[in-house]
Amino acid sequence: MYICILDFMASAIWENERGTFLRVIVHPNSKEKRFIAEVTTEAIHINLKEPAREGRANSELLKKLSKALKISTSEISLVAGHKSREKTLLIMSVDANQIARKLLDETKAVKY
């Protein structure tokens, strides 16, 4: 069922021997209530309440993503884009199919 979806999201979610990588574009200081703003072929767009100052948006991203994926924040690493809206995350405990399914489920619920 999610194989087609994962193919659609291939540039946004991929795996290798290190784990699963997730490409996101964050929208800090957002007034939107929906955490996952949009899922495209290139990235997952994520709304954050916190401003992009002093790592606050990055911290919120890790906390909310860990909650959405039901994993610990220690299982997610920000590997690129520390000071950019475009970020790459490494998730070590969840495979790409599970991430795609959980993120798509998250798009159906407003949890802010």
Protein backbone atom coordinates (compact mmCIF):
# COMPACT_ATOMS: atom_id res chain seq x y z
CA MET A 1 0.00 0.00 0.00
CA TYR A 2 2.74 2.50 0.90
CA ILE A 3 5.22 1.30 -1.69
CA CYS A 4 3.85 3.74 -4.28
CA ILE A 5 3.89 6.51 -1.69
CA LEU A 6 7.49 5.70 -0.78
CA ASP A 7 8.43 5.80 -4.47
CA PHE A 8 6.78 9.23 -4.65
CA MET A 9 8.79 10.35 -1.61
CA ALA A 10 12.11 8.80 -2.76
CA SER A 11 13.99 12.12 -2.75
CA ALA A 12 12.58 13.01 0.67
CA ILE A 13 13.13 9.67 2.44
CA TRP A 14 15.92 7.18 1.70
CA GLU A 15 17.92 4.50 3.49
CA ASN A 16 21.47 3.26 3.63
CA GLU A 17 23.57 1.26 6.08
CA ARG A 18 23.62 4.18 8.58
CA GLY A 19 19.84 4.45 8.81
CA THR A 20 16.98 6.36 7.24
CA PHE A 21 17.44 9.90 5.99
CA LEU A 22 14.71 12.47 5.84
CA ARG A 23 14.94 15.73 3.87
CA VAL A 24 12.79 18.46 5.38
CA ILE A 25 12.10 22.12 4.72
CA VAL A 26 11.09 23.93 7.88
CA HIS A 27 8.85 26.95 8.16
CA PRO A 28 9.85 28.54 11.49
CA ASN A 29 7.69 31.06 13.30
CA SER A 30 4.63 29.59 11.59
CA LYS A 31 1.08 30.36 12.68
CA GLU A 32 -0.20 27.17 11.01
CA LYS A 33 -1.51 24.50 13.38
CA ARG A 34 -0.60 21.53 11.18
CA PHE A 35 2.89 20.13 11.93
CA ILE A 36 3.35 18.53 8.50
CA ALA A 37 2.53 21.27 6.02
CA GLU A 38 3.11 19.35 2.81
CA VAL A 39 4.70 16.18 1.47
CA THR A 40 6.38 16.58 -1.92
CA THR A 41 8.70 14.43 -3.99
CA GLU A 42 11.65 16.52 -2.81
CA ALA A 43 11.02 17.10 0.90
CA ILE A 44 8.67 17.09 3.84
CA HIS A 45 7.56 20.65 4.66
CA ILE A 46 7.21 21.19 8.40
CA ASN A 47 5.62 24.09 10.30
CA LEU A 48 7.34 25.15 13.53
CA LYS A 49 6.14 27.67 16.10
CA GLU A 50 9.62 28.57 17.29
CA PRO A 51 11.73 31.19 15.51
CA ALA A 52 14.97 30.23 13.77
CA ARG A 53 17.13 31.66 16.54
CA GLU A 54 19.60 30.02 18.90
CA GLY A 55 18.64 26.53 17.74
CA ARG A 56 15.06 26.86 19.01
CA ALA A 57 13.45 25.78 15.72
CA ASN A 58 15.88 22.84 15.40
CA SER A 59 15.05 21.73 18.93
CA GLU A 60 11.31 21.94 18.24
CA LEU A 61 11.79 19.99 15.01
CA LEU A 62 13.52 17.11 16.78
CA LYS A 63 10.97 17.01 19.61
CA LYS A 64 7.91 17.08 17.37
CA LEU A 65 9.33 14.64 14.85
CA SER A 66 10.26 12.19 17.60
CA LYS A 67 6.71 12.46 18.94
CA ALA A 68 5.19 11.90 15.48
CA LEU A 69 7.42 8.87 14.88
CA LYS A 70 7.02 7.62 18.47
CA ILE A 71 10.77 7.42 19.08
CA SER A 72 13.26 9.11 21.38
CA THR A 73 14.89 12.38 20.31
CA SER A 74 18.25 10.61 20.77
CA GLU A 75 17.35 8.41 17.77
CA ILE A 76 17.22 11.45 15.44
CA SER A 77 20.27 13.43 14.35
CA LEU A 78 20.38 16.65 12.37
CA VAL A 79 23.16 15.86 9.88
CA ALA A 80 22.91 18.86 7.54
CA GLY A 81 21.28 22.27 7.47
CA HIS A 82 21.79 23.42 11.04
CA LYS A 83 21.39 27.05 9.97
CA SER A 84 19.22 26.53 6.91
CA ARG A 85 15.53 25.92 6.27
CA GLU A 86 16.53 22.83 4.26
CA LYS A 87 17.67 20.08 6.59
CA THR A 88 18.67 16.44 6.46
CA LEU A 89 17.91 14.21 9.40
CA LEU A 90 19.22 10.72 10.17
CA ILE A 91 16.79 8.40 11.93
CA MET A 92 18.43 5.26 13.23
CA SER A 93 15.57 3.13 14.52
CA VAL A 94 12.76 3.36 11.95
CA ASP A 95 12.83 2.23 8.34
CA ALA A 96 11.70 4.37 5.41
CA ASN A 97 8.34 2.60 4.99
CA GLN A 98 7.43 3.15 8.65
CA ILE A 99 8.47 6.81 8.49
CA ALA A 100 6.43 7.41 5.34
CA ARG A 101 3.37 5.78 6.91
CA LYS A 102 3.69 7.70 10.19
CA LEU A 103 4.25 11.05 8.47
CA LEU A 104 1.31 10.51 6.17
CA ASP A 105 -0.82 9.64 9.21
CA GLU A 106 0.41 12.85 10.84
CA THR A 107 -0.83 14.91 7.90
CA LYS A 108 -4.36 13.77 8.77
CA ALA A 109 -4.27 15.05 12.36
CA VAL A 110 -3.79 18.55 13.72
CA LYS A 111 -1.43 18.21 16.69
CA TYR A 112 0.24 21.45 17.60
